[in-house]
Amino acid sequence: MPITSAFKQNELGNPLQGVSDYVKLPFPTLRLRWHNGYPQASKDSGTQHFGGWFNGGDEYAEDLANFPASLHYMKGPDTWVSKDGKEYEVYHNRAIFAAPVATRVRWITKENGYKSSVTEILAVVADRKDKGSLFPYGAAVLSCSGMGGLALVDAFREWVKKTTKARVEFAPGVPSNMFYVVIGTFGKQRITRMVGKTSQSPIVPAQVNYADKTEIDEGFLASYFVGDEVGAKMIELKTAAAEWLADVKEKGKAEAAPAPVNDNDPHYEPIGAEVDPFVEF
């Protein structure tokens, strides 16, 4: 006779989820990390000098095992040299096309006792061959540490604000995150921002590209619209990621991560009514 029970595993939970066990997403994702670049690197190196998106060769290959192919615009494997003179292999590109699904901010404590926040945005990324139309690729986790994470959230918020008028006119009622945002670094100048209260250091903030549009029009929005099929998938992803999104406490402590936006700082003022119904910035 088979052994049966009236209970399911999800009712009992995971008894082995301890202080060193972090919740993993239950679906494949491409991990893309933000890099500030190295000012001493040649401008011809692109991402290595200007900053942008990357991941280590081993991690990127591991993620690709769950996808049919790499993003066409990702470059690599290339060998980079850190400021300490160490070589490492990466895949990278200065910018990506991403539609944000949900955001979490968690704290980690480094070996020296210094605490740092990590902003992680679950998103759907698009691919593009040469200069053709965008097409959905899959889920990704975009991560950036410290103040760079706030700058990343700011960049997505900037897109929402800049496109509000056009979306009201040409896409009324469509959630603002149902559009791919071209986010990364652009142009021929390396852009930096000094951050920090007690001691300051430079970061390269994430930026948004508007295809040189002085005014957003219907054609611009149409070219980045994800469509209802992808929109439905975004809702599925957020629902499935609920446990991961809630896993923001520093392990072993009762300290919850702060909100990714400082409501007391006017630079990070809330969007108000423009906040998306299923994206938590």
Protein backbone atom coordinates (compact mmCIF):
# COMPACT_ATOMS: atom_id res chain seq x y z
CA MET A 1 0.00 0.00 0.00
CA PRO A 2 1.38 3.47 -0.85
CA ILE A 3 1.99 5.89 1.99
CA THR A 4 -0.45 8.81 1.86
CA SER A 5 -1.04 11.98 3.82
CA ALA A 6 -3.67 14.69 3.95
CA PHE A 7 -0.90 17.31 4.12
CA LYS A 8 1.21 18.89 1.38
CA GLN A 9 4.85 19.96 1.59
CA ASN A 10 3.96 23.62 1.11
CA GLU A 11 1.76 23.41 4.22
CA LEU A 12 4.58 22.06 6.38
CA GLY A 13 7.21 24.35 4.88
CA ASN A 14 10.91 23.67 4.54
CA PRO A 15 12.35 22.42 7.87
CA LEU A 16 15.90 22.79 6.59
CA GLN A 17 15.65 26.48 5.75
CA GLY A 18 18.12 27.78 8.30
CA VAL A 19 20.11 30.92 8.93
CA SER A 20 22.46 30.30 6.01
CA ASP A 21 19.82 29.15 3.54
CA TYR A 22 18.54 31.81 1.17
CA VAL A 23 15.34 31.42 -0.78
CA LYS A 24 15.90 30.74 -4.47
CA LEU A 25 13.57 31.69 -7.28
CA PRO A 26 11.52 28.72 -8.51
CA PHE A 27 12.12 29.51 -12.19
CA PRO A 28 15.18 30.09 -14.40
CA THR A 29 16.67 33.58 -14.40
CA LEU A 30 19.60 35.31 -16.00
CA ARG A 31 21.70 37.04 -13.36
CA LEU A 32 22.95 40.44 -14.51
CA ARG A 33 25.05 42.58 -12.18
CA TRP A 34 25.76 46.30 -12.39
CA HIS A 35 29.40 47.30 -12.83
CA ASN A 36 30.79 50.80 -12.30
CA GLY A 37 33.53 50.18 -14.82
CA TYR A 38 37.17 51.12 -14.46
CA PRO A 39 38.16 54.68 -15.44
CA GLN A 40 41.65 53.45 -16.29
CA ALA A 41 40.32 50.96 -18.87
CA SER A 42 40.34 51.98 -22.52
CA LYS A 43 37.17 53.61 -23.85
CA ASP A 44 37.30 51.02 -26.62
CA SER A 45 36.58 48.35 -24.00
CA GLY A 46 33.02 49.67 -23.68
CA THR A 47 31.42 48.32 -20.51
CA GLN A 48 34.76 47.89 -18.76
CA HIS A 49 35.37 51.65 -18.98
CA PHE A 50 31.90 53.21 -18.99
CA GLY A 51 30.11 50.70 -16.75
CA GLY A 52 27.01 48.64 -17.43
CA TRP A 53 25.78 45.05 -17.10
CA PHE A 54 27.91 41.95 -16.67
CA ASN A 55 28.29 38.57 -15.05
CA GLY A 56 31.23 36.26 -14.52
CA GLY A 57 31.89 33.66 -17.18
CA ASP A 58 31.05 30.67 -14.98
CA GLU A 59 27.80 32.13 -13.60
CA TYR A 60 26.64 33.30 -17.01
CA ALA A 61 27.31 29.87 -18.51
CA GLU A 62 25.44 28.26 -15.61
CA ASP A 63 22.40 30.48 -16.22
CA LEU A 64 22.49 29.90 -19.98
CA ALA A 65 21.99 26.18 -19.40
CA ASN A 66 18.33 27.09 -18.77
CA PHE A 67 17.92 29.25 -21.88
CA PRO A 68 18.07 28.35 -25.58
CA ALA A 69 20.80 30.90 -26.34
CA SER A 70 22.62 33.95 -25.04
CA LEU A 71 21.29 37.46 -25.51
CA HIS A 72 22.48 38.55 -28.94
CA TYR A 73 23.80 41.87 -27.66
CA MET A 74 25.82 40.42 -24.78
CA LYS A 75 29.56 40.42 -25.51
CA GLY A 76 32.02 37.81 -24.34
CA PRO A 77 33.59 35.88 -22.98
CA ASP A 78 36.10 38.69 -22.51
CA THR A 79 38.93 38.97 -20.02
CA TRP A 80 38.85 41.98 -17.74
CA VAL A 81 41.53 43.20 -15.37
CA SER A 82 40.44 44.53 -11.98
CA LYS A 83 41.94 47.58 -10.30
CA ASP A 84 44.01 45.09 -8.28
CA GLY A 85 45.48 43.63 -11.46
CA LYS A 86 43.53 40.35 -11.32
CA GLU A 87 42.13 38.86 -14.52
CA TYR A 88 38.62 37.43 -14.74
CA GLU A 89 36.26 36.31 -17.52
CA VAL A 90 32.96 38.11 -18.11
CA TYR A 91 29.99 38.50 -20.41
CA HIS A 92 28.79 42.08 -20.62
CA ASN A 93 27.04 44.92 -22.40
CA ARG A 94 26.62 48.58 -21.58
CA ALA A 95 22.82 48.40 -21.77
CA ILE A 96 19.91 45.95 -21.75
CA PHE A 97 16.17 46.05 -22.46
CA ALA A 98 14.25 45.31 -19.25
CA ALA A 99 10.65 45.49 -18.02
CA PRO A 100 10.66 45.47 -14.17
CA VAL A 101 8.39 43.03 -12.35
CA ALA A 102 9.23 43.50 -8.65
CA THR A 103 12.03 44.72 -6.41
CA ARG A 104 13.59 43.65 -3.13
CA VAL A 105 16.39 45.20 -1.06
CA ARG A 106 18.36 43.07 1.36
CA TRP A 107 21.32 43.64 3.67
CA ILE A 108 24.53 41.67 3.86
CA THR A 109 27.36 41.91 6.37
CA LYS A 110 30.85 41.64 4.93
CA GLU A 111 33.85 40.02 6.61
CA ASN A 112 35.02 43.37 7.97
CA GLY A 113 31.64 43.89 9.65
CA TYR A 114 30.55 46.54 7.15
CA LYS A 115 26.88 46.28 6.16
CA SER A 116 25.84 46.85 2.59
CA SER A 117 22.49 46.82 0.84
CA VAL A 118 21.84 44.96 -2.40
CA THR A 119 18.97 46.00 -4.67
CA GLU A 120 17.62 43.19 -6.82
CA ILE A 121 15.02 43.78 -9.51
CA LEU A 122 13.17 40.84 -11.01
CA ALA A 123 12.56 41.72 -14.63
CA VAL A 124 11.71 40.37 -18.05
CA VAL A 125 14.47 41.14 -20.52
CA ALA A 126 14.14 41.44 -24.27
CA ASP A 127 16.55 40.36 -26.96
CA ARG A 128 17.28 41.95 -30.32
CA LYS A 129 19.20 40.80 -33.38
CA ASP A 130 21.25 43.61 -34.87
CA LYS A 131 18.82 46.56 -35.00
CA GLY A 132 15.64 44.53 -35.43
CA SER A 133 12.52 44.51 -33.29
CA LEU A 134 12.63 43.46 -29.66
CA PHE A 135 11.37 40.04 -28.64
CA PRO A 136 10.99 38.56 -25.12
CA TYR A 137 13.95 36.55 -23.85
CA GLY A 138 13.12 35.53 -20.28
CA ALA A 139 13.34 36.41 -16.60
CA ALA A 140 16.39 38.11 -15.14
CA VAL A 141 17.54 39.42 -11.79
CA LEU A 142 19.24 42.81 -12.07
CA SER A 143 21.40 43.52 -9.03
CA CYS A 144 23.37 46.49 -7.78
CA SER A 145 24.83 47.21 -4.35
CA GLY A 146 24.76 50.25 -2.13
CA MET A 147 23.80 53.66 -3.49
CA GLY A 148 24.09 52.27 -6.99
CA GLY A 149 20.96 50.27 -6.22
CA LEU A 150 19.03 53.42 -5.41
CA ALA A 151 20.30 54.94 -8.65
CA LEU A 152 19.03 51.88 -10.51
CA VAL A 153 15.55 52.30 -9.00
CA ASP A 154 15.74 56.01 -9.80
CA ALA A 155 16.45 55.26 -13.46
CA PHE A 156 13.30 53.16 -13.81
CA ARG A 157 11.31 55.84 -11.96
CA GLU A 158 12.69 58.49 -14.29
CA TRP A 159 11.33 56.51 -17.26
CA VAL A 160 7.89 56.37 -15.63
CA LYS A 161 7.85 60.13 -15.07
CA LYS A 162 9.23 61.09 -18.47
CA THR A 163 6.73 58.92 -20.34
CA THR A 164 3.66 59.74 -18.24
CA LYS A 165 2.16 62.30 -20.62
CA ALA A 166 2.62 60.08 -23.68
CA ARG A 167 1.32 56.96 -21.93
CA VAL A 168 -1.82 58.78 -20.78
CA GLU A 169 -2.43 59.88 -24.38
CA PHE A 170 -1.35 56.80 -26.35
CA ALA A 171 -1.57 53.92 -23.84
CA PRO A 172 -4.27 54.87 -21.30
CA GLY A 173 -4.61 52.34 -18.51
CA VAL A 174 -1.56 50.31 -19.56
CA PRO A 175 0.73 49.67 -16.55
CA SER A 176 3.93 51.67 -16.89
CA ASN A 177 6.12 48.61 -16.42
CA MET A 178 4.64 46.88 -19.48
CA PHE A 179 7.31 48.58 -21.55
CA TYR A 180 10.94 47.61 -21.96
CA VAL A 181 13.31 50.26 -20.64
CA VAL A 182 16.70 50.71 -22.31
CA ILE A 183 18.83 50.94 -19.18
CA GLY A 184 22.60 51.08 -18.82
CA THR A 185 25.27 53.58 -19.87
CA PHE A 186 25.35 55.60 -23.08
CA GLY A 187 27.41 58.14 -24.97
CA LYS A 188 31.11 58.86 -25.15
CA GLN A 189 31.58 60.26 -21.65
CA ARG A 190 31.86 58.25 -18.45
CA ILE A 191 29.20 59.59 -16.05
CA THR A 192 29.86 59.40 -12.31
CA ARG A 193 28.18 60.60 -9.13
CA MET A 194 29.72 61.08 -5.70
CA VAL A 195 27.80 59.29 -2.95
CA GLY A 196 28.19 58.74 0.79
CA LYS A 197 27.62 60.78 3.95
CA THR A 198 30.81 60.42 5.98
CA SER A 199 33.21 59.49 3.20
CA GLN A 200 32.30 59.88 -0.44
CA SER A 201 33.15 57.66 -3.37
CA PRO A 202 32.11 57.68 -7.04
CA ILE A 203 29.53 55.43 -8.63
CA VAL A 204 28.35 55.15 -12.21
CA PRO A 205 24.55 55.53 -11.97
CA ALA A 206 22.31 53.55 -14.30
CA GLN A 207 20.92 55.71 -17.08
CA VAL A 208 17.98 55.47 -19.49
CA ASN A 209 18.08 55.93 -23.25
CA TYR A 210 15.14 57.57 -25.03
CA ALA A 211 16.44 57.14 -28.60
CA ASP A 212 17.18 60.88 -28.80
CA LYS A 213 13.48 61.68 -28.42
CA THR A 214 12.82 65.17 -27.11
CA GLU A 215 9.16 64.19 -26.77
CA ILE A 216 7.87 60.65 -26.32
CA ASP A 217 5.45 59.65 -29.09
CA GLU A 218 3.20 56.70 -29.89
CA GLY A 219 5.80 55.03 -32.10
CA PHE A 220 8.35 55.07 -29.28
CA LEU A 221 5.94 53.44 -26.85
CA ALA A 222 4.81 50.85 -29.39
CA SER A 223 8.38 49.76 -30.08
CA TYR A 224 8.95 48.98 -26.39
CA PHE A 225 5.51 47.61 -25.43
CA VAL A 226 5.83 44.08 -24.01
CA GLY A 227 2.33 42.97 -25.01
CA ASP A 228 -0.35 41.20 -22.99
CA GLU A 229 1.23 37.75 -23.29
CA VAL A 230 4.39 38.96 -21.58
CA GLY A 231 2.32 41.05 -19.17
CA ALA A 232 0.49 37.91 -18.04
CA LYS A 233 3.86 36.19 -17.61
CA MET A 234 5.10 39.08 -15.47
CA ILE A 235 2.18 38.59 -13.08
CA GLU A 236 2.95 34.84 -12.94
CA LEU A 237 6.59 35.57 -12.16
CA LYS A 238 5.76 37.95 -9.33
CA THR A 239 3.32 35.48 -7.81
CA ALA A 240 5.84 32.63 -7.99
CA ALA A 241 8.55 34.90 -6.54
CA ALA A 242 6.58 35.87 -3.42
CA GLU A 243 8.79 33.93 -1.00
CA TRP A 244 11.96 35.26 -2.64
CA LEU A 245 10.67 38.84 -2.48
CA ALA A 246 9.92 38.44 1.22
CA ASP A 247 13.36 37.01 1.99
CA VAL A 248 15.02 40.34 2.74
CA LYS A 249 16.15 39.95 6.34
CA GLU A 250 19.81 39.58 7.12
CA LYS A 251 20.25 35.91 8.00
CA GLY A 252 20.56 35.23 11.70
CA LYS A 253 19.15 38.63 12.68
CA ALA A 254 15.67 40.08 13.11
CA GLU A 255 16.62 43.14 11.09
CA ALA A 256 14.49 43.79 8.03
CA ALA A 257 15.90 45.56 5.01
CA PRO A 258 14.80 49.18 4.62
CA ALA A 259 12.53 50.32 1.85
CA PRO A 260 14.48 51.01 -1.35
CA VAL A 261 13.26 54.60 -1.29
CA ASN A 262 13.99 57.16 1.40
CA ASP A 263 10.74 59.10 1.74
CA ASN A 264 12.50 61.85 3.72
CA ASP A 265 14.83 62.64 0.84
CA PRO A 266 13.19 64.72 -1.92
CA HIS A 267 15.49 63.13 -4.46
CA TYR A 268 13.65 59.85 -3.91
CA GLU A 269 10.11 61.18 -3.64
CA PRO A 270 7.36 58.59 -4.29
CA ILE A 271 5.64 58.57 -7.67
CA GLY A 272 2.26 58.62 -5.96
CA ALA A 273 -0.63 57.58 -8.21
CA GLU A 274 1.83 56.54 -10.89
CA VAL A 275 3.06 53.57 -8.83
CA ASP A 276 2.45 50.38 -10.78
CA PRO A 277 -0.13 47.85 -9.57
CA PHE A 278 2.26 44.92 -9.56
CA VAL A 279 5.71 46.44 -9.26
CA GLU A 280 7.04 47.45 -5.86
CA PHE A 281 9.78 50.02 -6.26
